[in-house]
Amino acid sequence: MTEPDIFDEMESAWGRPAVPRPKAGEASSFTISPKSLANLDSLGQGPPDKFTVNGKVCYPSKSFFAWLRSRSSRIN
């Protein structure tokens, strides 16, 4: 049996199909701030999938948590 993936658990706990940028901190257990995410987006380093609703940037949850996972590393 494999160890549960913390990012899968975070996505499950979020329980919504999208992550609005202003809620990125909440969705990521406060590991990234909306401002940092906006800066990374402007550098082309944010989550690859995004869309806007009423001018607010949102990310599909699967894409957001996969991106967050890709930026993590294990500490021994």
PDB file of N, CA and C in Angstrom:
ATOM      1  N   MET A   1       0.841  -1.185   0.000  1.00  0.00           N
ATOM      2  CA  MET A   1       0.000   0.000   0.000  1.00  0.00           C
ATOM      3  C   MET A   1       0.888   1.251   0.000  1.00  0.00           C
ATOM      4  N   THR A   2       0.552   2.199  -0.838  1.00  0.00           N
ATOM      5  CA  THR A   2       1.363   3.404  -0.921  1.00  0.00           C
ATOM      6  C   THR A   2       0.876   4.444   0.092  1.00  0.00           C
ATOM      7  N   GLU A   3       1.791   5.300   0.462  1.00  0.00           N
ATOM      8  CA  GLU A   3       1.475   6.368   1.412  1.00  0.00           C
ATOM      9  C   GLU A   3       0.548   7.386   0.731  1.00  0.00           C
ATOM     10  N   PRO A   4      -0.453   7.894   1.440  1.00  0.00           N
ATOM     11  CA  PRO A   4      -1.358   8.880   0.842  1.00  0.00           C
ATOM     12  C   PRO A   4      -0.587  10.126   0.414  1.00  0.00           C
ATOM     13  N   ASP A   5      -0.991  10.682  -0.690  1.00  0.00           N
ATOM     14  CA  ASP A   5      -0.358  11.892  -1.212  1.00  0.00           C
ATOM     15  C   ASP A   5      -1.024  13.103  -0.565  1.00  0.00           C
ATOM     16  N   ILE A   6      -0.242  13.934   0.074  1.00  0.00           N
ATOM     17  CA  ILE A   6      -0.778  15.096   0.781  1.00  0.00           C
ATOM     18  C   ILE A   6      -1.524  16.026  -0.170  1.00  0.00           C
ATOM     19  N   PHE A   7      -1.073  16.102  -1.423  1.00  0.00           N
ATOM     20  CA  PHE A   7      -1.728  16.990  -2.377  1.00  0.00           C
ATOM     21  C   PHE A   7      -3.091  16.442  -2.791  1.00  0.00           C
ATOM     22  N   ASP A   8      -3.210  15.113  -2.865  1.00  0.00           N
ATOM     23  CA  ASP A   8      -4.525  14.516  -3.111  1.00  0.00           C
ATOM     24  C   ASP A   8      -5.455  14.816  -1.940  1.00  0.00           C
ATOM     25  N   GLU A   9      -4.918  14.757  -0.733  1.00  0.00           N
ATOM     26  CA  GLU A   9      -5.717  15.064   0.456  1.00  0.00           C
ATOM     27  C   GLU A   9      -6.136  16.532   0.470  1.00  0.00           C
ATOM     28  N   MET A  10      -5.231  17.423   0.086  1.00  0.00           N
ATOM     29  CA  MET A  10      -5.561  18.854   0.038  1.00  0.00           C
ATOM     30  C   MET A  10      -6.661  19.110  -0.993  1.00  0.00           C
ATOM     31  N   GLU A  11      -6.536  18.465  -2.158  1.00  0.00           N
ATOM     32  CA  GLU A  11      -7.552  18.640  -3.200  1.00  0.00           C
ATOM     33  C   GLU A  11      -8.906  18.103  -2.734  1.00  0.00           C
ATOM     34  N   SER A  12      -8.881  16.962  -2.089  1.00  0.00           N
ATOM     35  CA  SER A  12     -10.125  16.373  -1.581  1.00  0.00           C
ATOM     36  C   SER A  12     -10.756  17.277  -0.518  1.00  0.00           C
ATOM     37  N   ALA A  13      -9.943  17.809   0.367  1.00  0.00           N
ATOM     38  CA  ALA A  13     -10.454  18.696   1.415  1.00  0.00           C
ATOM     39  C   ALA A  13     -11.006  19.988   0.811  1.00  0.00           C
ATOM     40  N   TRP A  14     -10.382  20.471  -0.260  1.00  0.00           N
ATOM     41  CA  TRP A  14     -10.863  21.679  -0.931  1.00  0.00           C
ATOM     42  C   TRP A  14     -12.250  21.416  -1.472  1.00  0.00           C
ATOM     43  N   GLY A  15     -12.441  20.297  -2.147  1.00  0.00           N
ATOM     44  CA  GLY A  15     -13.762  19.836  -2.556  1.00  0.00           C
ATOM     45  C   GLY A  15     -14.510  20.702  -3.555  1.00  0.00           C
ATOM     46  N   ARG A  16     -13.806  21.528  -4.297  1.00  0.00           N
ATOM     47  CA  ARG A  16     -14.454  22.380  -5.300  1.00  0.00           C
ATOM     48  C   ARG A  16     -13.764  22.167  -6.639  1.00  0.00           C
ATOM     49  N   PRO A  17     -14.471  22.411  -7.737  1.00  0.00           N
ATOM     50  CA  PRO A  17     -13.865  22.159  -9.047  1.00  0.00           C
ATOM     51  C   PRO A  17     -12.826  23.191  -9.469  1.00  0.00           C
ATOM     52  N   ALA A  18     -12.820  24.341  -8.824  1.00  0.00           N
ATOM     53  CA  ALA A  18     -11.869  25.395  -9.197  1.00  0.00           C
ATOM     54  C   ALA A  18     -11.337  26.099  -7.959  1.00  0.00           C
ATOM     55  N   VAL A  19     -10.154  26.688  -8.132  1.00  0.00           N
ATOM     56  CA  VAL A  19      -9.521  27.477  -7.073  1.00  0.00           C
ATOM     57  C   VAL A  19      -9.401  28.912  -7.588  1.00  0.00           C
ATOM     58  N   PRO A  20     -10.207  29.843  -7.060  1.00  0.00           N
ATOM     59  CA  PRO A  20     -10.021  31.251  -7.440  1.00  0.00           C
ATOM     60  C   PRO A  20      -8.705  31.764  -6.843  1.00  0.00           C
ATOM     61  N   ARG A  21      -7.968  32.557  -7.576  1.00  0.00           N
ATOM     62  CA  ARG A  21      -6.665  33.030  -7.078  1.00  0.00           C
ATOM     63  C   ARG A  21      -6.760  33.635  -5.678  1.00  0.00           C
ATOM     64  N   PRO A  22      -7.787  34.444  -5.365  1.00  0.00           N
ATOM     65  CA  PRO A  22      -7.845  35.003  -4.002  1.00  0.00           C
ATOM     66  C   PRO A  22      -7.958  33.940  -2.903  1.00  0.00           C
ATOM     67  N   LYS A  23      -8.363  32.729  -3.260  1.00  0.00           N
ATOM     68  CA  LYS A  23      -8.505  31.645  -2.276  1.00  0.00           C
ATOM     69  C   LYS A  23      -7.351  30.651  -2.340  1.00  0.00           C
ATOM     70  N   ALA A  24      -6.305  30.961  -3.115  1.00  0.00           N
ATOM     71  CA  ALA A  24      -5.183  30.037  -3.280  1.00  0.00           C
ATOM     72  C   ALA A  24      -4.520  29.705  -1.947  1.00  0.00           C
ATOM     73  N   GLY A  25      -4.393  30.682  -1.074  1.00  0.00           N
ATOM     74  CA  GLY A  25      -3.794  30.429   0.236  1.00  0.00           C
ATOM     75  C   GLY A  25      -4.596  29.422   1.027  1.00  0.00           C
ATOM     76  N   GLU A  26      -5.883  29.641   1.080  1.00  0.00           N
ATOM     77  CA  GLU A  26      -6.771  28.724   1.805  1.00  0.00           C
ATOM     78  C   GLU A  26      -6.718  27.322   1.205  1.00  0.00           C
ATOM     79  N   ALA A  27      -6.790  27.228  -0.119  1.00  0.00           N
ATOM     80  CA  ALA A  27      -6.803  25.925  -0.796  1.00  0.00           C
ATOM     81  C   ALA A  27      -5.497  25.167  -0.585  1.00  0.00           C
ATOM     82  N   SER A  28      -4.387  25.900  -0.485  1.00  0.00           N
ATOM     83  CA  SER A  28      -3.067  25.264  -0.379  1.00  0.00           C
ATOM     84  C   SER A  28      -2.572  25.150   1.060  1.00  0.00           C
ATOM     85  N   SER A  29      -3.469  25.244   2.015  1.00  0.00           N
ATOM     86  CA  SER A  29      -3.081  25.236   3.430  1.00  0.00           C
ATOM     87  C   SER A  29      -2.062  26.335   3.711  1.00  0.00           C
ATOM     88  N   PHE A  30      -2.260  27.462   3.028  1.00  0.00           N
ATOM     89  CA  PHE A  30      -1.450  28.668   3.200  1.00  0.00           C
ATOM     90  C   PHE A  30       0.025  28.465   2.858  1.00  0.00           C
ATOM     91  N   THR A  31       0.284  27.582   1.869  1.00  0.00           N
ATOM     92  CA  THR A  31       1.657  27.398   1.402  1.00  0.00           C
ATOM     93  C   THR A  31       2.008  28.359   0.273  1.00  0.00           C
ATOM     94  N   ILE A  32       1.015  29.006  -0.327  1.00  0.00           N
ATOM     95  CA  ILE A  32       1.273  30.020  -1.345  1.00  0.00           C
ATOM     96  C   ILE A  32       0.221  31.116  -1.215  1.00  0.00           C
ATOM     97  N   SER A  33       0.655  32.341  -1.368  1.00  0.00           N
ATOM     98  CA  SER A  33      -0.280  33.461  -1.248  1.00  0.00           C
ATOM     99  C   SER A  33      -0.818  33.840  -2.628  1.00  0.00           C
ATOM    100  N   PRO A  34      -1.991  34.456  -2.663  1.00  0.00           N
ATOM    101  CA  PRO A  34      -2.530  34.922  -3.946  1.00  0.00           C
ATOM    102  C   PRO A  34      -1.573  35.877  -4.667  1.00  0.00           C
ATOM    103  N   LYS A  35      -0.887  36.732  -3.925  1.00  0.00           N
ATOM    104  CA  LYS A  35       0.050  37.677  -4.533  1.00  0.00           C
ATOM    105  C   LYS A  35       1.240  36.948  -5.166  1.00  0.00           C
ATOM    106  N   SER A  36       1.789  35.978  -4.465  1.00  0.00           N
ATOM    107  CA  SER A  36       2.893  35.188  -5.022  1.00  0.00           C
ATOM    108  C   SER A  36       2.446  34.445  -6.271  1.00  0.00           C
ATOM    109  N   LEU A  37       1.234  33.918  -6.226  1.00  0.00           N
ATOM    110  CA  LEU A  37       0.692  33.201  -7.375  1.00  0.00           C
ATOM    111  C   LEU A  37       0.533  34.140  -8.569  1.00  0.00           C
ATOM    112  N   ALA A  38       0.063  35.346  -8.330  1.00  0.00           N
ATOM    113  CA  ALA A  38      -0.068  36.337  -9.408  1.00  0.00           C
ATOM    114  C   ALA A  38       1.301  36.665 -10.000  1.00  0.00           C
ATOM    115  N   ASN A  39       2.298  36.817  -9.139  1.00  0.00           N
ATOM    116  CA  ASN A  39       3.654  37.094  -9.626  1.00  0.00           C
ATOM    117  C   ASN A  39       4.185  35.938 -10.465  1.00  0.00           C
ATOM    118  N   LEU A  40       3.984  34.706 -10.004  1.00  0.00           N
ATOM    119  CA  LEU A  40       4.431  33.542 -10.768  1.00  0.00           C
ATOM    120  C   LEU A  40       3.700  33.453 -12.107  1.00  0.00           C
ATOM    121  N   ASP A  41       2.402  33.744 -12.102  1.00  0.00           N
ATOM    122  CA  ASP A  41       1.649  33.757 -13.359  1.00  0.00           C
ATOM    123  C   ASP A  41       2.245  34.756 -14.339  1.00  0.00           C
ATOM    124  N   SER A  42       2.607  35.931 -13.851  1.00  0.00           N
ATOM    125  CA  SER A  42       3.143  36.959 -14.743  1.00  0.00           C
ATOM    126  C   SER A  42       4.496  36.554 -15.329  1.00  0.00           C
ATOM    127  N   LEU A  43       5.202  35.656 -14.654  1.00  0.00           N
ATOM    128  CA  LEU A  43       6.479  35.144 -15.146  1.00  0.00           C
ATOM    129  C   LEU A  43       6.314  33.876 -15.981  1.00  0.00           C
ATOM    130  N   GLY A  44       5.063  33.425 -16.135  1.00  0.00           N
ATOM    131  CA  GLY A  44       4.803  32.192 -16.876  1.00  0.00           C
ATOM    132  C   GLY A  44       5.133  30.945 -16.079  1.00  0.00           C
ATOM    133  N   GLN A  45       5.179  31.067 -14.745  1.00  0.00           N
ATOM    134  CA  GLN A  45       5.555  29.945 -13.893  1.00  0.00           C
ATOM    135  C   GLN A  45       4.413  29.448 -13.009  1.00  0.00           C
ATOM    136  N   GLY A  46       3.217  29.991 -13.212  1.00  0.00           N
ATOM    137  CA  GLY A  46       2.060  29.565 -12.431  1.00  0.00           C
ATOM    138  C   GLY A  46       1.430  28.317 -13.017  1.00  0.00           C
ATOM    139  N   PRO A  47       0.307  27.891 -12.452  1.00  0.00           N
ATOM    140  CA  PRO A  47      -0.393  26.731 -13.001  1.00  0.00           C
ATOM    141  C   PRO A  47      -0.697  26.955 -14.489  1.00  0.00           C
ATOM    142  N   PRO A  48      -0.531  25.916 -15.311  1.00  0.00           N
ATOM    143  CA  PRO A  48      -0.684  26.096 -16.757  1.00  0.00           C
ATOM    144  C   PRO A  48      -2.111  26.376 -17.215  1.00  0.00           C
ATOM    145  N   ASP A  49      -3.091  25.876 -16.494  1.00  0.00           N
ATOM    146  CA  ASP A  49      -4.488  26.068 -16.884  1.00  0.00           C
ATOM    147  C   ASP A  49      -5.114  27.139 -16.011  1.00  0.00           C
ATOM    148  N   LYS A  50      -5.725  28.113 -16.650  1.00  0.00           N
ATOM    149  CA  LYS A  50      -6.439  29.142 -15.882  1.00  0.00           C
ATOM    150  C   LYS A  50      -7.539  29.721 -16.750  1.00  0.00           C
ATOM    151  N   PHE A  51      -8.492  30.334 -16.075  1.00  0.00           N
ATOM    152  CA  PHE A  51      -9.603  30.983 -16.757  1.00  0.00           C
ATOM    153  C   PHE A  51     -10.064  32.129 -15.872  1.00  0.00           C
ATOM    154  N   THR A  52     -10.880  33.007 -16.426  1.00  0.00           N
ATOM    155  CA  THR A  52     -11.392  34.114 -15.623  1.00  0.00           C
ATOM    156  C   THR A  52     -12.904  34.026 -15.507  1.00  0.00           C
ATOM    157  N   VAL A  53     -13.392  34.474 -14.373  1.00  0.00           N
ATOM    158  CA  VAL A  53     -14.824  34.619 -14.118  1.00  0.00           C
ATOM    159  C   VAL A  53     -14.990  36.008 -13.507  1.00  0.00           C
ATOM    160  N   ASN A  54     -15.750  36.851 -14.173  1.00  0.00           N
ATOM    161  CA  ASN A  54     -15.929  38.233 -13.706  1.00  0.00           C
ATOM    162  C   ASN A  54     -14.600  38.915 -13.412  1.00  0.00           C
ATOM    163  N   GLY A  55     -13.609  38.650 -14.253  1.00  0.00           N
ATOM    164  CA  GLY A  55     -12.305  39.284 -14.106  1.00  0.00           C
ATOM    165  C   GLY A  55     -11.398  38.661 -13.066  1.00  0.00           C
ATOM    166  N   LYS A  56     -11.850  37.620 -12.383  1.00  0.00           N
ATOM    167  CA  LYS A  56     -11.024  36.950 -11.376  1.00  0.00           C
ATOM    168  C   LYS A  56     -10.401  35.700 -11.987  1.00  0.00           C
ATOM    169  N   VAL A  57      -9.094  35.547 -11.797  1.00  0.00           N
ATOM    170  CA  VAL A  57      -8.385  34.374 -12.315  1.00  0.00           C
ATOM    171  C   VAL A  57      -8.696  33.168 -11.436  1.00  0.00           C
ATOM    172  N   CYS A  58      -8.998  32.059 -12.090  1.00  0.00           N
ATOM    173  CA  CYS A  58      -9.290  30.794 -11.408  1.00  0.00           C
ATOM    174  C   CYS A  58      -8.482  29.683 -12.069  1.00  0.00           C
ATOM    175  N   TYR A  59      -8.275  28.608 -11.327  1.00  0.00           N
ATOM    176  CA  TYR A  59      -7.537  27.449 -11.815  1.00  0.00           C
ATOM    177  C   TYR A  59      -8.391  26.200 -11.597  1.00  0.00           C
ATOM    178  N   PRO A  60      -8.453  25.303 -12.571  1.00  0.00           N
ATOM    179  CA  PRO A  60      -9.116  24.022 -12.290  1.00  0.00           C
ATOM    180  C   PRO A  60      -8.388  23.353 -11.117  1.00  0.00           C
ATOM    181  N   SER A  61      -9.127  22.808 -10.184  1.00  0.00           N
ATOM    182  CA  SER A  61      -8.509  22.235  -8.979  1.00  0.00           C
ATOM    183  C   SER A  61      -7.438  21.201  -9.310  1.00  0.00           C
ATOM    184  N   LYS A  62      -7.727  20.294 -10.232  1.00  0.00           N
ATOM    185  CA  LYS A  62      -6.744  19.255 -10.577  1.00  0.00           C
ATOM    186  C   LYS A  62      -5.443  19.880 -11.055  1.00  0.00           C
ATOM    187  N   SER A  63      -5.546  20.894 -11.889  1.00  0.00           N
ATOM    188  CA  SER A  63      -4.364  21.570 -12.421  1.00  0.00           C
ATOM    189  C   SER A  63      -3.606  22.309 -11.309  1.00  0.00           C
ATOM    190  N   PHE A  64      -4.343  23.012 -10.445  1.00  0.00           N
ATOM    191  CA  PHE A  64      -3.720  23.774  -9.362  1.00  0.00           C
ATOM    192  C   PHE A  64      -2.942  22.856  -8.421  1.00  0.00           C
ATOM    193  N   PHE A  65      -3.556  21.757  -7.991  1.00  0.00           N
ATOM    194  CA  PHE A  65      -2.877  20.875  -7.036  1.00  0.00           C
ATOM    195  C   PHE A  65      -1.745  20.087  -7.692  1.00  0.00           C
ATOM    196  N   ALA A  66      -1.882  19.758  -8.975  1.00  0.00           N
ATOM    197  CA  ALA A  66      -0.778  19.107  -9.699  1.00  0.00           C
ATOM    198  C   ALA A  66       0.408  20.065  -9.798  1.00  0.00           C
ATOM    199  N   TRP A  67       0.133  21.331 -10.082  1.00  0.00           N
ATOM    200  CA  TRP A  67       1.186  22.336 -10.151  1.00  0.00           C
ATOM    201  C   TRP A  67       1.854  22.504  -8.783  1.00  0.00           C
ATOM    202  N   LEU A  68       1.055  22.576  -7.737  1.00  0.00           N
ATOM    203  CA  LEU A  68       1.606  22.711  -6.386  1.00  0.00           C
ATOM    204  C   LEU A  68       2.495  21.517  -6.065  1.00  0.00           C
ATOM    205  N   ARG A  69       2.039  20.319  -6.404  1.00  0.00           N
ATOM    206  CA  ARG A  69       2.822  19.099  -6.191  1.00  0.00           C
ATOM    207  C   ARG A  69       4.159  19.195  -6.935  1.00  0.00           C
ATOM    208  N   SER A  70       4.127  19.712  -8.173  1.00  0.00           N
ATOM    209  CA  SER A  70       5.358  19.787  -8.983  1.00  0.00           C
ATOM    210  C   SER A  70       6.389  20.749  -8.384  1.00  0.00           C
ATOM    211  N   ARG A  71       5.949  21.649  -7.534  1.00  0.00           N
ATOM    212  CA  ARG A  71       6.857  22.629  -6.915  1.00  0.00           C
ATOM    213  C   ARG A  71       7.347  22.177  -5.533  1.00  0.00           C
ATOM    214  N   SER A  72       6.982  20.981  -5.139  1.00  0.00           N
ATOM    215  CA  SER A  72       7.350  20.519  -3.792  1.00  0.00           C
ATOM    216  C   SER A  72       8.536  19.553  -3.848  1.00  0.00           C
ATOM    217  N   SER A  73       9.167  19.386  -2.708  1.00  0.00           N
ATOM    218  CA  SER A  73      10.243  18.406  -2.579  1.00  0.00           C
ATOM    219  C   SER A  73      10.182  17.837  -1.168  1.00  0.00           C
ATOM    220  N   ARG A  74      10.600  16.599  -1.075  1.00  0.00           N
ATOM    221  CA  ARG A  74      10.604  15.904   0.213  1.00  0.00           C
ATOM    222  C   ARG A  74      11.859  16.298   0.998  1.00  0.00           C
ATOM    223  N   ILE A  75      11.686  16.528   2.291  1.00  0.00           N
ATOM    224  CA  ILE A  75      12.807  16.813   3.192  1.00  0.00           C
ATOM    225  C   ILE A  75      13.034  15.575   4.044  1.00  0.00           C
ATOM    226  N   ASN A  76      14.245  15.098   4.051  1.00  0.00           N
ATOM    227  CA  ASN A  76      14.554  13.893   4.848  1.00  0.00           C
ATOM    228  C   ASN A  76      15.078  14.260   6.202  1.00  0.00           C
TER     229      ASN A  76
END
